[in-house]
Amino acid sequence: MRDPGTAPASPPGSPSAPAPGPRPAPGSAGALGTFAARLTAGRFTLRPADPGTDTALLRAWAADPEVARWWPELDRPAAEVRRHLAGQLAQGRSTPCVGSLDGVPVSYWELYRADLDPLAGHYPARPHDAGLHLLIGPAAQRGRGLGPRLIRAVTGHQFAADPRARRVLAEPDHRNARSVAAFRRAGFRPAGRIALPGKTAVLMVRERPAPGPREPPGDPPGRSSERPRAHTSICQQPFR
């Protein structure tokens, strides 16, 4: 669940480098800023979004009606999208990020502390609950089974960034059945519907995995060797 994020702020660093200054504390939004993993689809990297340079990219993705349907806040004038990104960076409890495969941007993320977010007023929140929103931007990247792999990789990163987090939550629109199913494939379970401003959502929860052998990042159990099939995946719609 997102706040409008209207307060202007300068980005904490360049798109390719961490912000200068003290290292963020575990569990803070800044600790989520950078991440890299080798997936079957390629090398996935995550970096903080830059309001100055990424606004045009996000607006280009939102020009697709299938994106704008679930992400109306990105289908707005450039100044409003910049404020949306800068507001999150200023608040410190949410990190907007751009995810790339082999250096090509393919996804937009909002990684946040769910227990400090307005979402906490709509479910039984626990300390250090984490949350995420995901958008797969380019149409060519949808329908390939990519979503569950990215979700598993990034939620694993959230657990690693905050050892106190026991759960990661998502709240896709209940009408976005493919998104709900993709979160299921990524290890989330539905925990009922909740009424949020502007939508009725399915609350999805992934518990911290029990200690044991580390699974390949982003590859759902039993599916790591599956070759993506175009136009047959549950991930044909952008996520929210």
Protein backbone atom coordinates (compact mmCIF):
# COMPACT_ATOMS: atom_id res chain seq x y z
CA MET A 1 0.00 0.00 0.00
CA ARG A 2 1.46 3.33 -1.05
CA ASP A 3 1.35 6.89 0.23
CA PRO A 4 1.12 9.62 -2.42
CA GLY A 5 4.69 10.69 -1.69
CA THR A 6 4.36 14.39 -2.44
CA ALA A 7 7.41 15.71 -0.59
CA PRO A 8 10.25 16.48 -3.01
CA ALA A 9 13.64 15.02 -2.22
CA SER A 10 16.93 14.38 -3.93
CA PRO A 11 17.73 10.72 -4.65
CA PRO A 12 20.15 9.21 -2.11
CA GLY A 13 22.67 8.19 -4.76
CA SER A 14 23.26 7.52 -8.40
CA PRO A 15 21.46 4.62 -10.11
CA SER A 16 24.66 2.58 -10.20
CA ALA A 17 26.12 3.23 -6.74
CA PRO A 18 24.92 3.04 -3.13
CA ALA A 19 24.18 6.27 -1.34
CA PRO A 20 27.14 7.86 0.43
CA GLY A 21 27.21 8.10 4.19
CA PRO A 22 26.68 5.60 7.03
CA ARG A 23 25.65 2.04 6.17
CA PRO A 24 21.87 1.62 6.66
CA ALA A 25 20.76 -0.35 9.68
CA PRO A 26 19.35 -3.84 9.00
CA GLY A 27 15.64 -3.59 8.30
CA SER A 28 15.75 0.03 7.20
CA ALA A 29 14.49 0.94 3.76
CA GLY A 30 17.99 1.94 2.69
CA ALA A 31 19.34 -1.55 3.41
CA LEU A 32 17.24 -2.82 0.51
CA GLY A 33 18.80 -0.55 -2.08
CA THR A 34 21.03 -2.94 -4.03
CA PHE A 35 20.91 -6.63 -4.80
CA ALA A 36 22.18 -9.05 -7.46
CA ALA A 37 21.46 -12.70 -8.19
CA ARG A 38 22.03 -15.17 -11.00
CA LEU A 39 18.67 -16.56 -12.15
CA THR A 40 17.80 -18.97 -14.93
CA ALA A 41 16.52 -15.96 -16.89
CA GLY A 42 19.83 -14.07 -16.53
CA ARG A 43 21.68 -11.87 -14.05
CA PHE A 44 19.14 -9.92 -12.04
CA THR A 45 20.15 -6.66 -10.37
CA LEU A 46 18.19 -4.26 -8.20
CA ARG A 47 19.05 -0.62 -7.58
CA PRO A 48 17.26 2.38 -6.04
CA ALA A 49 15.09 4.29 -8.47
CA ASP A 50 16.27 7.79 -9.37
CA PRO A 51 13.42 10.32 -9.70
CA GLY A 52 15.52 12.34 -12.12
CA THR A 53 16.43 9.59 -14.57
CA ASP A 54 13.85 6.81 -14.07
CA THR A 55 10.64 8.82 -14.31
CA ALA A 56 10.63 8.66 -18.11
CA LEU A 57 11.14 4.90 -18.04
CA LEU A 58 8.26 4.30 -15.64
CA ARG A 59 5.94 6.61 -17.57
CA ALA A 60 6.81 4.77 -20.80
CA TRP A 61 5.84 1.48 -19.17
CA ALA A 62 2.64 3.03 -17.83
CA ALA A 63 1.67 4.10 -21.36
CA ASP A 64 0.66 0.44 -21.81
CA PRO A 65 -3.00 0.14 -20.71
CA GLU A 66 -2.22 -3.18 -19.04
CA VAL A 67 0.25 -1.38 -16.80
CA ALA A 68 -1.84 1.73 -16.21
CA ARG A 69 -4.77 -0.43 -15.09
CA TRP A 70 -2.87 -1.58 -12.01
CA TRP A 71 -0.47 1.35 -11.61
CA PRO A 72 -2.44 4.58 -12.22
CA GLU A 73 0.03 6.55 -10.08
CA LEU A 74 2.65 6.04 -12.79
CA ASP A 75 0.30 7.05 -15.59
CA ARG A 76 0.55 10.71 -14.64
CA PRO A 77 2.54 13.79 -15.63
CA ALA A 78 6.27 13.53 -15.09
CA ALA A 79 6.28 15.93 -12.14
CA GLU A 80 3.78 13.78 -10.26
CA VAL A 81 5.71 10.57 -10.88
CA ARG A 82 8.92 12.25 -9.70
CA ARG A 83 7.15 13.34 -6.52
CA HIS A 84 5.87 9.80 -6.02
CA LEU A 85 9.41 8.41 -6.14
CA ALA A 86 11.02 11.22 -4.18
CA GLY A 87 8.37 11.03 -1.48
CA GLN A 88 9.19 7.40 -0.79
CA LEU A 89 12.90 8.12 -0.59
CA ALA A 90 12.23 10.98 1.81
CA GLN A 91 10.00 8.92 4.12
CA GLY A 92 12.64 6.25 4.62
CA ARG A 93 10.23 3.37 5.12
CA SER A 94 9.89 2.46 1.42
CA THR A 95 12.50 2.00 -1.28
CA PRO A 96 11.47 2.37 -4.94
CA CYS A 97 13.75 0.22 -7.10
CA VAL A 98 14.41 -0.69 -10.71
CA GLY A 99 15.22 -4.31 -11.48
CA SER A 100 17.20 -5.34 -14.55
CA LEU A 101 18.02 -8.59 -16.34
CA ASP A 102 21.47 -8.65 -17.90
CA GLY A 103 21.59 -4.87 -17.62
CA VAL A 104 18.20 -4.19 -19.24
CA PRO A 105 15.48 -2.66 -16.99
CA VAL A 106 12.46 -4.97 -16.78
CA SER A 107 10.77 -4.27 -13.46
CA TYR A 108 9.82 -1.66 -10.90
CA TRP A 109 9.59 -2.47 -7.18
CA GLU A 110 8.50 -0.79 -3.99
CA LEU A 111 10.03 -2.54 -0.97
CA TYR A 112 8.72 -1.27 2.33
CA ARG A 113 8.16 -1.84 6.03
CA ALA A 114 4.56 -3.05 6.09
CA ASP A 115 4.31 -2.59 9.85
CA LEU A 116 5.13 1.13 9.45
CA ASP A 117 2.89 1.61 6.42
CA PRO A 118 -0.82 2.57 6.35
CA LEU A 119 -1.35 -1.09 5.34
CA ALA A 120 -0.74 -2.00 8.99
CA GLY A 121 -4.17 -0.57 9.83
CA HIS A 122 -5.85 -3.19 7.63
CA TYR A 123 -4.38 -6.47 8.93
CA PRO A 124 -2.86 -7.84 12.18
CA ALA A 125 0.61 -6.39 11.68
CA ARG A 126 3.72 -7.78 13.36
CA PRO A 127 6.96 -5.88 14.03
CA HIS A 128 9.28 -5.84 11.02
CA ASP A 129 6.73 -7.18 8.56
CA ALA A 130 8.10 -6.46 5.08
CA GLY A 131 6.07 -5.65 1.99
CA LEU A 132 6.52 -5.38 -1.75
CA HIS A 133 4.86 -4.14 -4.93
CA LEU A 134 6.03 -5.31 -8.34
CA LEU A 135 5.53 -4.15 -11.90
CA ILE A 136 6.96 -6.00 -14.90
CA GLY A 137 7.24 -3.22 -17.47
CA PRO A 138 8.12 -4.43 -20.98
CA ALA A 139 5.30 -6.42 -22.59
CA ALA A 140 7.84 -8.87 -24.03
CA GLN A 141 8.86 -9.88 -20.50
CA ARG A 142 5.32 -10.79 -19.44
CA GLY A 143 3.94 -14.25 -19.99
CA ARG A 144 7.31 -15.96 -19.55
CA GLY A 145 7.02 -17.22 -15.99
CA LEU A 146 9.49 -14.54 -14.91
CA GLY A 147 7.40 -13.03 -12.11
CA PRO A 148 7.58 -15.86 -9.53
CA ARG A 149 11.33 -16.14 -9.98
CA LEU A 150 11.86 -12.43 -9.40
CA ILE A 151 9.50 -12.40 -6.42
CA ARG A 152 11.31 -15.28 -4.73
CA ALA A 153 14.69 -13.66 -5.30
CA VAL A 154 13.64 -10.27 -3.96
CA THR A 155 11.76 -11.62 -0.94
CA GLY A 156 14.85 -13.64 -0.09
CA HIS A 157 16.79 -10.39 -0.24
CA GLN A 158 14.26 -8.75 2.10
CA PHE A 159 14.67 -11.53 4.64
CA ALA A 160 18.45 -11.23 4.43
CA ALA A 161 18.36 -7.43 4.77
CA ASP A 162 16.32 -7.59 7.98
CA PRO A 163 16.95 -10.71 10.12
CA ARG A 164 14.06 -9.65 12.33
CA ALA A 165 11.51 -9.86 9.52
CA ARG A 166 9.46 -13.04 9.75
CA ARG A 167 7.07 -12.34 6.87
CA VAL A 168 6.85 -10.57 3.52
CA LEU A 169 3.41 -9.34 2.46
CA ALA A 170 1.86 -8.35 -0.84
CA GLU A 171 -1.63 -7.04 -1.60
CA PRO A 172 -2.49 -7.47 -5.29
CA ASP A 173 -5.90 -6.41 -6.52
CA HIS A 174 -8.30 -9.34 -6.17
CA ARG A 175 -9.25 -8.94 -9.85
CA ASN A 176 -5.66 -9.58 -10.94
CA ALA A 177 -5.92 -13.36 -10.76
CA ARG A 178 -2.63 -13.94 -12.59
CA SER A 179 -0.77 -11.79 -10.09
CA VAL A 180 -2.30 -13.66 -7.15
CA ALA A 181 -1.36 -16.98 -8.74
CA ALA A 182 2.19 -15.78 -9.38
CA PHE A 183 2.63 -14.88 -5.72
CA ARG A 184 1.39 -18.37 -4.85
CA ARG A 185 4.06 -19.89 -7.10
CA ALA A 186 6.64 -17.71 -5.36
CA GLY A 187 5.79 -19.23 -1.97
CA PHE A 188 3.09 -16.84 -0.74
CA ARG A 189 -0.24 -17.97 0.69
CA PRO A 190 -3.50 -16.01 0.60
CA ALA A 191 -4.66 -14.70 3.98
CA GLY A 192 -8.03 -13.23 3.01
CA ARG A 193 -9.27 -10.07 1.34
CA ILE A 194 -8.79 -6.58 2.72
CA ALA A 195 -10.43 -3.31 1.71
CA LEU A 196 -7.82 -0.69 0.81
CA PRO A 197 -8.25 2.79 -0.67
CA GLY A 198 -9.03 2.25 -4.34
CA LYS A 199 -9.15 -1.54 -4.37
CA THR A 200 -10.07 -4.76 -2.65
CA ALA A 201 -6.85 -6.71 -2.24
CA VAL A 202 -5.87 -10.28 -1.54
CA LEU A 203 -3.40 -10.24 1.35
CA MET A 204 -0.57 -12.58 0.38
CA VAL A 205 1.99 -13.74 2.96
CA ARG A 206 5.33 -15.48 2.63
CA GLU A 207 6.83 -16.74 5.87
CA ARG A 208 10.59 -16.74 6.40
CA PRO A 209 11.88 -20.12 5.16
CA ALA A 210 13.05 -22.53 7.83
CA PRO A 211 16.83 -22.97 8.11
CA GLY A 212 18.16 -25.54 5.69
CA PRO A 213 19.90 -25.93 2.35
CA ARG A 214 19.75 -22.72 0.39
CA GLU A 215 17.43 -22.95 -2.61
CA PRO A 216 18.37 -21.33 -5.93
CA PRO A 217 17.22 -17.68 -5.82
CA GLY A 218 14.08 -17.02 -7.80
CA ASP A 219 13.45 -20.60 -8.94
CA PRO A 220 10.26 -22.02 -7.40
CA PRO A 221 10.65 -25.62 -6.20
CA GLY A 222 10.23 -28.11 -8.99
CA ARG A 223 10.29 -25.43 -11.67
CA SER A 224 13.94 -24.40 -11.89
CA SER A 225 14.55 -26.37 -15.09
CA GLU A 226 11.30 -25.38 -16.77
CA ARG A 227 11.76 -23.45 -19.98
CA PRO A 228 9.58 -20.32 -20.15
CA ARG A 229 6.65 -20.65 -22.54
CA ALA A 230 5.34 -17.57 -24.25
CA HIS A 231 1.71 -16.56 -23.71
CA THR A 232 0.90 -19.45 -21.34
CA SER A 233 2.18 -18.16 -18.01
CA ILE A 234 0.15 -16.87 -15.11
CA CYS A 235 2.26 -13.70 -15.27
CA GLN A 236 0.81 -12.06 -18.34
CA GLN A 237 -0.52 -9.07 -16.41
CA PRO A 238 1.65 -6.52 -14.59
CA PHE A 239 1.79 -6.93 -10.84
CA ARG A 240 0.58 -4.63 -8.16
